[in-house]
C-alpha atoms as a PDB file:
ATOM      1  CA  MET A   1       8.031 -12.248 -40.810  1.00  0.00           C
ATOM      2  CA  GLY A   2       8.084 -12.633 -36.955  1.00  0.00           C
ATOM      3  CA  ALA A   3      11.229 -11.561 -35.587  1.00  0.00           C
ATOM      4  CA  THR A   4      13.627 -14.452 -34.366  1.00  0.00           C
ATOM      5  CA  TRP A   5      13.904 -15.428 -30.928  1.00  0.00           C
ATOM      6  CA  ASN A   6      17.093 -14.150 -29.442  1.00  0.00           C
ATOM      7  CA  PRO A   7      18.392 -16.619 -26.245  1.00  0.00           C
ATOM      8  CA  PHE A   8      20.604 -13.844 -25.597  1.00  0.00           C
ATOM      9  CA  ARG A   9      18.348 -11.275 -24.856  1.00  0.00           C
ATOM     10  CA  PRO A  10      16.991 -11.988 -21.567  1.00  0.00           C
ATOM     11  CA  LEU A  11      20.374 -12.755 -20.416  1.00  0.00           C
ATOM     12  CA  GLY A  12      21.522  -9.130 -21.869  1.00  0.00           C
ATOM     13  CA  ARG A  13      18.162  -8.122 -20.040  1.00  0.00           C
ATOM     14  CA  ALA A  14      19.516  -9.149 -16.446  1.00  0.00           C
ATOM     15  CA  MET A  15      22.686  -7.704 -17.127  1.00  0.00           C
ATOM     16  CA  ALA A  16      21.219  -4.697 -17.398  1.00  0.00           C
ATOM     17  CA  LEU A  17      19.023  -5.005 -14.105  1.00  0.00           C
ATOM     18  CA  LEU A  18      22.625  -5.883 -12.563  1.00  0.00           C
ATOM     19  CA  ARG A  19      24.099  -2.735 -13.435  1.00  0.00           C
ATOM     20  CA  SER A  20      21.539  -0.479 -13.066  1.00  0.00           C
ATOM     21  CA  GLU A  21      20.057  -1.508  -9.939  1.00  0.00           C
ATOM     22  CA  GLY A  22      22.441  -4.874  -8.477  1.00  0.00           C
ATOM     23  CA  LEU A  23      22.138  -8.324  -7.329  1.00  0.00           C
ATOM     24  CA  ARG A  24      19.511  -7.860  -5.038  1.00  0.00           C
ATOM     25  CA  ALA A  25      16.974  -6.784  -7.929  1.00  0.00           C
ATOM     26  CA  VAL A  26      17.757  -9.335 -10.293  1.00  0.00           C
ATOM     27  CA  TRP A  27      16.800 -12.110  -7.473  1.00  0.00           C
ATOM     28  CA  ARG A  28      13.746  -9.868  -7.581  1.00  0.00           C
ATOM     29  CA  ARG A  29      12.961 -10.276 -10.888  1.00  0.00           C
ATOM     30  CA  LEU A  30      14.048 -13.877 -11.161  1.00  0.00           C
ATOM     31  CA  LYS A  31      11.438 -14.989  -8.414  1.00  0.00           C
ATOM     32  CA  ARG A  32       8.398 -12.847  -9.997  1.00  0.00           C
ATOM     33  CA  SER A  33       8.835 -14.839 -13.214  1.00  0.00           C
ATOM     34  CA  VAL A  34       9.374 -17.835 -11.766  1.00  0.00           C
ATOM     35  CA  TRP A  35       7.978 -19.196  -8.013  1.00  0.00           C
ATOM     36  CA  VAL A  36       7.121 -16.923  -5.163  1.00  0.00           C
ATOM     37  CA  THR A  37       4.096 -17.311  -2.703  1.00  0.00           C
ATOM     38  CA  THR A  38       3.596 -13.737  -0.914  1.00  0.00           C
ATOM     39  CA  ARG A  39       1.535 -13.557   2.445  1.00  0.00           C
ATOM     40  CA  TYR A  40      -0.346 -10.857   3.685  1.00  0.00           C
ATOM     41  CA  VAL A  41      -3.144 -10.546   6.231  1.00  0.00           C
ATOM     42  CA  VAL A  42      -6.289  -8.788   6.323  1.00  0.00           C
ATOM     43  CA  VAL A  43      -7.458  -6.105   8.808  1.00  0.00           C
ATOM     44  CA  VAL A  44     -10.346  -4.038   8.826  1.00  0.00           C
ATOM     45  CA  LYS A  45     -11.631  -0.901  11.363  1.00  0.00           C
ATOM     46  CA  ARG A  46     -14.827   0.134  11.676  1.00  0.00           C
ATOM     47  CA  MET A  47     -14.505   4.294  11.680  1.00  0.00           C
ATOM     48  CA  GLY A  48     -17.634   4.865  14.296  1.00  0.00           C
ATOM     49  CA  ASP A  49     -16.590   7.646  16.653  1.00  0.00           C
ATOM     50  CA  ALA A  50     -13.091   8.369  15.196  1.00  0.00           C
ATOM     51  CA  PRO A  51     -12.085  11.457  17.842  1.00  0.00           C
ATOM     52  CA  ALA A  52     -10.708  14.456  16.467  1.00  0.00           C
ATOM     53  CA  PRO A  53      -7.124  14.306  16.452  1.00  0.00           C
ATOM     54  CA  GLU A  54      -4.771  16.726  18.156  1.00  0.00           C
ATOM     55  CA  SER A  55      -2.045  19.454  17.427  1.00  0.00           C
ATOM     56  CA  TYR A  56       1.048  18.343  17.904  1.00  0.00           C
ATOM     57  CA  PRO A  57       4.607  20.775  17.898  1.00  0.00           C
ATOM     58  CA  ASP A  58       6.534  18.443  15.504  1.00  0.00           C
ATOM     59  CA  VAL A  59       4.338  17.662  12.883  1.00  0.00           C
ATOM     60  CA  LYS A  60       1.136  18.573  11.230  1.00  0.00           C
ATOM     61  CA  PHE A  61      -1.200  15.968   9.043  1.00  0.00           C
ATOM     62  CA  HIS A  62      -3.119  17.431   6.376  1.00  0.00           C
ATOM     63  CA  LEU A  63      -5.193  16.388   3.650  1.00  0.00           C
ATOM     64  CA  VAL A  64      -3.427  17.095   0.171  1.00  0.00           C
ATOM     65  CA  SER A  65      -4.609  18.026  -3.333  1.00  0.00           C
ATOM     66  CA  PRO A  66      -3.111  17.278  -6.708  1.00  0.00           C
ATOM     67  CA  ALA A  67      -1.519  21.046  -6.349  1.00  0.00           C
ATOM     68  CA  ASP A  68       0.760  19.393  -3.614  1.00  0.00           C
ATOM     69  CA  ILE A  69       2.627  16.546  -5.982  1.00  0.00           C
ATOM     70  CA  GLU A  70       5.026  18.378  -7.412  1.00  0.00           C
ATOM     71  CA  TRP A  71       6.849  19.278  -4.104  1.00  0.00           C
ATOM     72  CA  ILE A  72       5.580  16.016  -2.559  1.00  0.00           C
ATOM     73  CA  ALA A  73       7.146  14.432  -5.088  1.00  0.00           C
ATOM     74  CA  ARG A  74      10.763  15.538  -4.288  1.00  0.00           C
ATOM     75  CA  ASP A  75      10.745  13.382  -0.437  1.00  0.00           C
ATOM     76  CA  MET A  76       9.621  10.412  -1.210  1.00  0.00           C
ATOM     77  CA  PRO A  77      12.298   8.097  -1.873  1.00  0.00           C
ATOM     78  CA  GLN A  78      10.239   4.646  -1.192  1.00  0.00           C
ATOM     79  CA  MET A  79       9.020   5.048  -4.752  1.00  0.00           C
ATOM     80  CA  LYS A  80      12.133   5.355  -6.249  1.00  0.00           C
ATOM     81  CA  GLY A  81      11.761   7.518  -9.324  1.00  0.00           C
ATOM     82  CA  HIS A  82       7.735   7.170  -9.811  1.00  0.00           C
ATOM     83  CA  ALA A  83       6.349   9.836  -7.036  1.00  0.00           C
ATOM     84  CA  GLU A  84       4.936  11.994  -9.516  1.00  0.00           C
ATOM     85  CA  GLU A  85       3.058   9.187 -11.835  1.00  0.00           C
ATOM     86  CA  LEU A  86       1.889   7.275  -8.761  1.00  0.00           C
ATOM     87  CA  LEU A  87       0.897  10.182  -6.726  1.00  0.00           C
ATOM     88  CA  ARG A  88      -1.044  11.257  -9.645  1.00  0.00           C
ATOM     89  CA  GLU A  89      -2.764   8.129  -9.757  1.00  0.00           C
ATOM     90  CA  GLN A  90      -3.804   8.867  -6.200  1.00  0.00           C
ATOM     91  CA  PHE A  91      -5.940  10.855  -7.258  1.00  0.00           C
ATOM     92  CA  GLU A  92      -7.943   9.499 -10.419  1.00  0.00           C
ATOM     93  CA  GLU A  93     -11.053   8.007  -8.121  1.00  0.00           C
ATOM     94  CA  ASP A  94     -13.208  10.956  -6.246  1.00  0.00           C
ATOM     95  CA  GLY A  95     -13.926   9.894  -2.953  1.00  0.00           C
ATOM     96  CA  ASP A  96     -10.026   8.987  -2.575  1.00  0.00           C
ATOM     97  CA  LEU A  97      -8.026  10.692   0.279  1.00  0.00           C
ATOM     98  CA  THR A  98      -3.687  11.262   0.451  1.00  0.00           C
ATOM     99  CA  ILE A  99      -3.032  12.535   3.481  1.00  0.00           C
ATOM    100  CA  ILE A 100       0.178  13.285   4.737  1.00  0.00           C
ATOM    101  CA  GLY A 101       2.165  15.115   7.809  1.00  0.00           C
ATOM    102  CA  THR A 102       4.990  17.767   7.554  1.00  0.00           C
ATOM    103  CA  PRO A 103       6.754  20.017  10.384  1.00  0.00           C
ATOM    104  CA  PRO A 104       4.432  22.712  11.312  1.00  0.00           C
ATOM    105  CA  GLY A 105       5.149  25.740   8.473  1.00  0.00           C
ATOM    106  CA  GLN A 106       7.240  23.539   6.584  1.00  0.00           C
ATOM    107  CA  ARG A 107       6.611  22.000   3.000  1.00  0.00           C
ATOM    108  CA  GLY A 108       9.366  20.505   2.121  1.00  0.00           C
ATOM    109  CA  GLN A 109       9.934  17.325   4.088  1.00  0.00           C
ATOM    110  CA  VAL A 110       7.448  14.070   4.424  1.00  0.00           C
ATOM    111  CA  LEU A 111       7.139  12.676   7.583  1.00  0.00           C
ATOM    112  CA  PHE A 112       3.892  10.833   7.058  1.00  0.00           C
ATOM    113  CA  ALA A 113       2.174   9.233   3.795  1.00  0.00           C
ATOM    114  CA  VAL A 114      -0.624   7.183   3.245  1.00  0.00           C
ATOM    115  CA  TRP A 115      -3.219   6.701   0.530  1.00  0.00           C
ATOM    116  CA  LEU A 116      -7.029   5.759   1.144  1.00  0.00           C
ATOM    117  CA  SER A 117      -8.407   4.396  -1.874  1.00  0.00           C
ATOM    118  CA  HIS A 118     -11.755   2.998  -2.881  1.00  0.00           C
ATOM    119  CA  GLY A 119     -10.575   1.364  -6.074  1.00  0.00           C
ATOM    120  CA  ASP A 120      -8.129  -0.563  -4.585  1.00  0.00           C
ATOM    121  CA  PHE A 121      -7.156  -4.284  -6.674  1.00  0.00           C
ATOM    122  CA  ALA A 122      -7.119  -5.844  -3.744  1.00  0.00           C
ATOM    123  CA  LEU A 123     -10.592  -4.739  -1.821  1.00  0.00           C
ATOM    124  CA  THR A 124     -11.659  -6.976  -5.397  1.00  0.00           C
ATOM    125  CA  LEU A 125     -10.456  -9.908  -3.243  1.00  0.00           C
ATOM    126  CA  LEU A 126     -13.212  -9.722  -0.312  1.00  0.00           C
ATOM    127  CA  GLY A 127     -16.272 -10.287  -2.491  1.00  0.00           C
ATOM    128  CA  ASP A 128     -19.259  -9.636  -0.345  1.00  0.00           C
ATOM    129  CA  HIS A 129     -17.454  -9.139   3.123  1.00  0.00           C
ATOM    130  CA  ARG A 130     -16.917  -5.556   1.434  1.00  0.00           C
ATOM    131  CA  GLU A 131     -19.435  -2.731   2.266  1.00  0.00           C
ATOM    132  CA  PRO A 132     -20.555   0.592  -0.094  1.00  0.00           C
ATOM    133  CA  GLY A 133     -17.896   3.182   0.748  1.00  0.00           C
ATOM    134  CA  ASP A 134     -15.012   0.658   1.726  1.00  0.00           C
ATOM    135  CA  VAL A 135     -11.491   2.196   1.446  1.00  0.00           C
ATOM    136  CA  SER A 136      -8.353   0.583   2.059  1.00  0.00           C
ATOM    137  CA  SER A 137      -5.366   1.882   2.846  1.00  0.00           C
ATOM    138  CA  ARG A 138      -2.251   1.893   1.112  1.00  0.00           C
ATOM    139  CA  ARG A 139       1.339   2.976   0.236  1.00  0.00           C
ATOM    140  CA  GLY A 140       1.619   3.635   4.168  1.00  0.00           C
ATOM    141  CA  TRP A 141       4.928   4.949   4.641  1.00  0.00           C
ATOM    142  CA  VAL A 142       7.406   7.524   7.477  1.00  0.00           C
ATOM    143  CA  PRO A 143      10.899   8.100   6.750  1.00  0.00           C
ATOM    144  CA  GLU A 144      13.505   5.935   8.559  1.00  0.00           C
ATOM    145  CA  SER A 145      14.825   8.858  10.460  1.00  0.00           C
ATOM    146  CA  HIS A 146      10.811   9.468  12.088  1.00  0.00           C
ATOM    147  CA  ARG A 147      10.452   6.174  13.143  1.00  0.00           C
ATOM    148  CA  ARG A 148       9.619   4.558  16.568  1.00  0.00           C
ATOM    149  CA  LEU A 149       8.422   8.583  17.592  1.00  0.00           C
ATOM    150  CA  GLY A 150       4.756   7.840  17.570  1.00  0.00           C
ATOM    151  CA  VAL A 151       4.451   9.514  14.175  1.00  0.00           C
ATOM    152  CA  ALA A 152       2.707   6.743  12.449  1.00  0.00           C
ATOM    153  CA  THR A 153       0.150   6.099  15.885  1.00  0.00           C
ATOM    154  CA  ARG A 154      -0.786   9.928  15.314  1.00  0.00           C
ATOM    155  CA  GLY A 155      -0.594   9.918  11.455  1.00  0.00           C
ATOM    156  CA  PHE A 156      -3.260   6.597  11.773  1.00  0.00           C
ATOM    157  CA  VAL A 157      -5.640   9.175  14.521  1.00  0.00           C
ATOM    158  CA  PHE A 158      -5.900  11.976  11.798  1.00  0.00           C
ATOM    159  CA  MET A 159      -6.352   9.519   8.967  1.00  0.00           C
ATOM    160  CA  HIS A 160      -9.451   7.532  11.264  1.00  0.00           C
ATOM    161  CA  HIS A 161     -10.603  11.203  11.549  1.00  0.00           C
ATOM    162  CA  ALA A 162     -10.432  12.007   7.971  1.00  0.00           C
ATOM    163  CA  ALA A 163     -12.105   9.272   6.638  1.00  0.00           C
ATOM    164  CA  ARG A 164     -15.043   9.790   9.254  1.00  0.00           C
ATOM    165  CA  GLN A 165     -15.503  13.099   8.122  1.00  0.00           C
ATOM    166  CA  ALA A 166     -15.039  12.295   4.303  1.00  0.00           C
ATOM    167  CA  GLY A 167     -18.073   9.525   5.292  1.00  0.00           C
ATOM    168  CA  ILE A 168     -16.023   6.343   4.537  1.00  0.00           C
ATOM    169  CA  PRO A 169     -17.266   3.480   7.033  1.00  0.00           C
ATOM    170  CA  ARG A 170     -14.640   1.136   6.883  1.00  0.00           C
ATOM    171  CA  ILE A 171     -10.640   1.232   6.642  1.00  0.00           C
ATOM    172  CA  TRP A 172      -9.088  -2.710   4.939  1.00  0.00           C
ATOM    173  CA  GLY A 173      -5.366  -2.859   5.757  1.00  0.00           C
ATOM    174  CA  PHE A 174      -3.282  -5.788   3.573  1.00  0.00           C
ATOM    175  CA  ILE A 175      -0.120  -6.146   6.008  1.00  0.00           C
ATOM    176  CA  ARG A 176       2.523  -8.579   4.909  1.00  0.00           C
ATOM    177  CA  GLU A 177       2.588 -11.446   7.240  1.00  0.00           C
ATOM    178  CA  GLU A 178       6.393 -11.096   8.260  1.00  0.00           C
ATOM    179  CA  ASN A 179       5.475  -6.755   8.934  1.00  0.00           C
ATOM    180  CA  VAL A 180       5.484  -7.117  12.794  1.00  0.00           C
ATOM    181  CA  ALA A 181       5.044  -3.361  13.593  1.00  0.00           C
ATOM    182  CA  SER A 182       2.343  -2.700  11.089  1.00  0.00           C
ATOM    183  CA  ARG A 183       0.527  -5.627  12.160  1.00  0.00           C
ATOM    184  CA  LYS A 184       1.045  -4.345  16.129  1.00  0.00           C
ATOM    185  CA  LEU A 185       0.522  -0.709  15.087  1.00  0.00           C
ATOM    186  CA  HIS A 186      -2.977  -1.612  13.293  1.00  0.00           C
ATOM    187  CA  GLU A 187      -3.802  -3.828  16.322  1.00  0.00           C
ATOM    188  CA  ARG A 188      -3.358  -0.661  19.049  1.00  0.00           C
ATOM    189  CA  HIS A 189      -5.398   1.165  17.061  1.00  0.00           C
ATOM    190  CA  GLY A 190      -8.593  -1.341  17.137  1.00  0.00           C
ATOM    191  CA  TYR A 191      -8.331  -3.157  13.593  1.00  0.00           C
ATOM    192  CA  THR A 192      -9.452  -6.810  13.759  1.00  0.00           C
ATOM    193  CA  LEU A 193      -7.948  -9.519  11.996  1.00  0.00           C
ATOM    194  CA  ARG A 194     -10.618 -11.444   9.256  1.00  0.00           C
ATOM    195  CA  GLY A 195      -8.890 -13.294   7.502  1.00  0.00           C
ATOM    196  CA  ARG A 196      -5.749 -13.741   5.281  1.00  0.00           C
ATOM    197  CA  ILE A 197      -4.242 -13.357   1.669  1.00  0.00           C
ATOM    198  CA  ARG A 198      -1.477 -15.170  -0.687  1.00  0.00           C
ATOM    199  CA  LEU A 199      -0.168 -13.825  -3.866  1.00  0.00           C
ATOM    200  CA  ILE A 200       1.047 -16.859  -5.770  1.00  0.00           C
ATOM    201  CA  MET A 201       3.196 -16.566  -9.059  1.00  0.00           C
ATOM    202  CA  ARG A 202       3.767 -20.080 -10.353  1.00  0.00           C
ATOM    203  CA  PHE A 203       5.521 -19.810 -14.064  1.00  0.00           C
ATOM    204  CA  GLY A 204       3.907 -16.730 -15.162  1.00  0.00           C
ATOM    205  CA  ARG A 205       0.619 -17.913 -13.776  1.00  0.00           C
ATOM    206  CA  ARG A 206      -0.646 -15.469 -11.043  1.00  0.00           C
ATOM    207  CA  PHE A 207      -3.530 -15.810  -8.897  1.00  0.00           C
ATOM    208  CA  ALA A 208      -5.004 -15.279  -5.258  1.00  0.00           C
ATOM    209  CA  LYS A 209      -6.065 -17.554  -2.744  1.00  0.00           C
ATOM    210  CA  VAL A 210      -8.143 -15.918  -0.473  1.00  0.00           C
ATOM    211  CA  ARG A 211      -9.649 -17.067   3.247  1.00  0.00           C
ATOM    212  CA  LEU A 212     -11.610 -14.617   5.501  1.00  0.00           C
ATOM    213  CA  ASP A 213     -13.529 -14.902   8.195  1.00  0.00           C
ATOM    214  CA  ASP A 214     -14.461 -18.517   9.558  1.00  0.00           C
ATOM    215  CA  ALA A 215     -14.056 -20.159   5.824  1.00  0.00           C
ATOM    216  CA  ARG A 216     -12.991 -23.450   5.903  1.00  0.00           C
ATOM    217  CA  ARG A 217     -11.670 -22.966   2.168  1.00  0.00           C
ATOM    218  CA  TRP A 218      -9.442 -20.622   0.454  1.00  0.00           C
ATOM    219  CA  ARG A 219     -10.899 -19.274  -2.584  1.00  0.00           C
ATOM    220  CA  VAL A 220      -9.005 -19.155  -5.488  1.00  0.00           C
ATOM    221  CA  LEU A 221      -8.760 -16.052  -7.928  1.00  0.00           C
ATOM    222  CA  ARG A 222      -6.735 -15.046 -11.278  1.00  0.00           C
ATOM    223  CA  ILE A 223      -5.555 -11.360 -10.895  1.00  0.00           C
ATOM    224  CA  PRO A 224      -3.397  -9.088 -13.241  1.00  0.00           C
ATOM    225  CA  ARG A 225      -0.547 -10.746 -14.573  1.00  0.00           C
ATOM    226  CA  ASP A 226       1.392  -7.338 -13.611  1.00  0.00           C
ATOM    227  CA  LEU A 227       0.326  -6.774  -9.963  1.00  0.00           C
ATOM    228  CA  HIS A 228       3.012  -8.419  -7.838  1.00  0.00           C
ATOM    229  CA  GLY A 229       1.700  -6.756  -4.396  1.00  0.00           C
ATOM    230  CA  LEU A 230      -1.445  -5.893  -2.397  1.00  0.00           C
END
């Protein structure tokens, strides 16, 4: 015999979320389950002759390995307690690159982080526009204390050089429309606009609308139920 449905259970979960994470978290959960559209711009850059990065006195950029996860996870507050789990995900596919920036001679503070992923779900939305070996840039981050200091700009130079050295032909970016700073950063580094993607939730049904290059119509694709962002 199946369990009796309890109409107060969703209310109880909402109250628990309110106590643990606040009203904003409850509102985000409600939107995700009822009606929401998230808009992205799609940009891409071919590596070509990406220049070698310079050395800097305040930050050193380098590739990291699974052996570094434990200490990196201690300084990734944007991952909200899931840092170690998410960082391990970044090493599951051969050829993916995880790049960080740290103060020279130190490894207890992360000043820049990005993941170049071959298996990102967003890449599947590109269809025939994707070339073999293409990656997407995921989880790009600079702590609040080091923004507007050129750290992201210098990190991009290292990222492009590392990608070229690894034989990666192109990097795709999926940027929220409202993130003007990120869009300008990509534009300065030679990324070109290729289209737009909308992730849509309608009463529990999730799908993506994709329009790339000069397509006149949006392609509509079903997406996993647990996907909330690119």
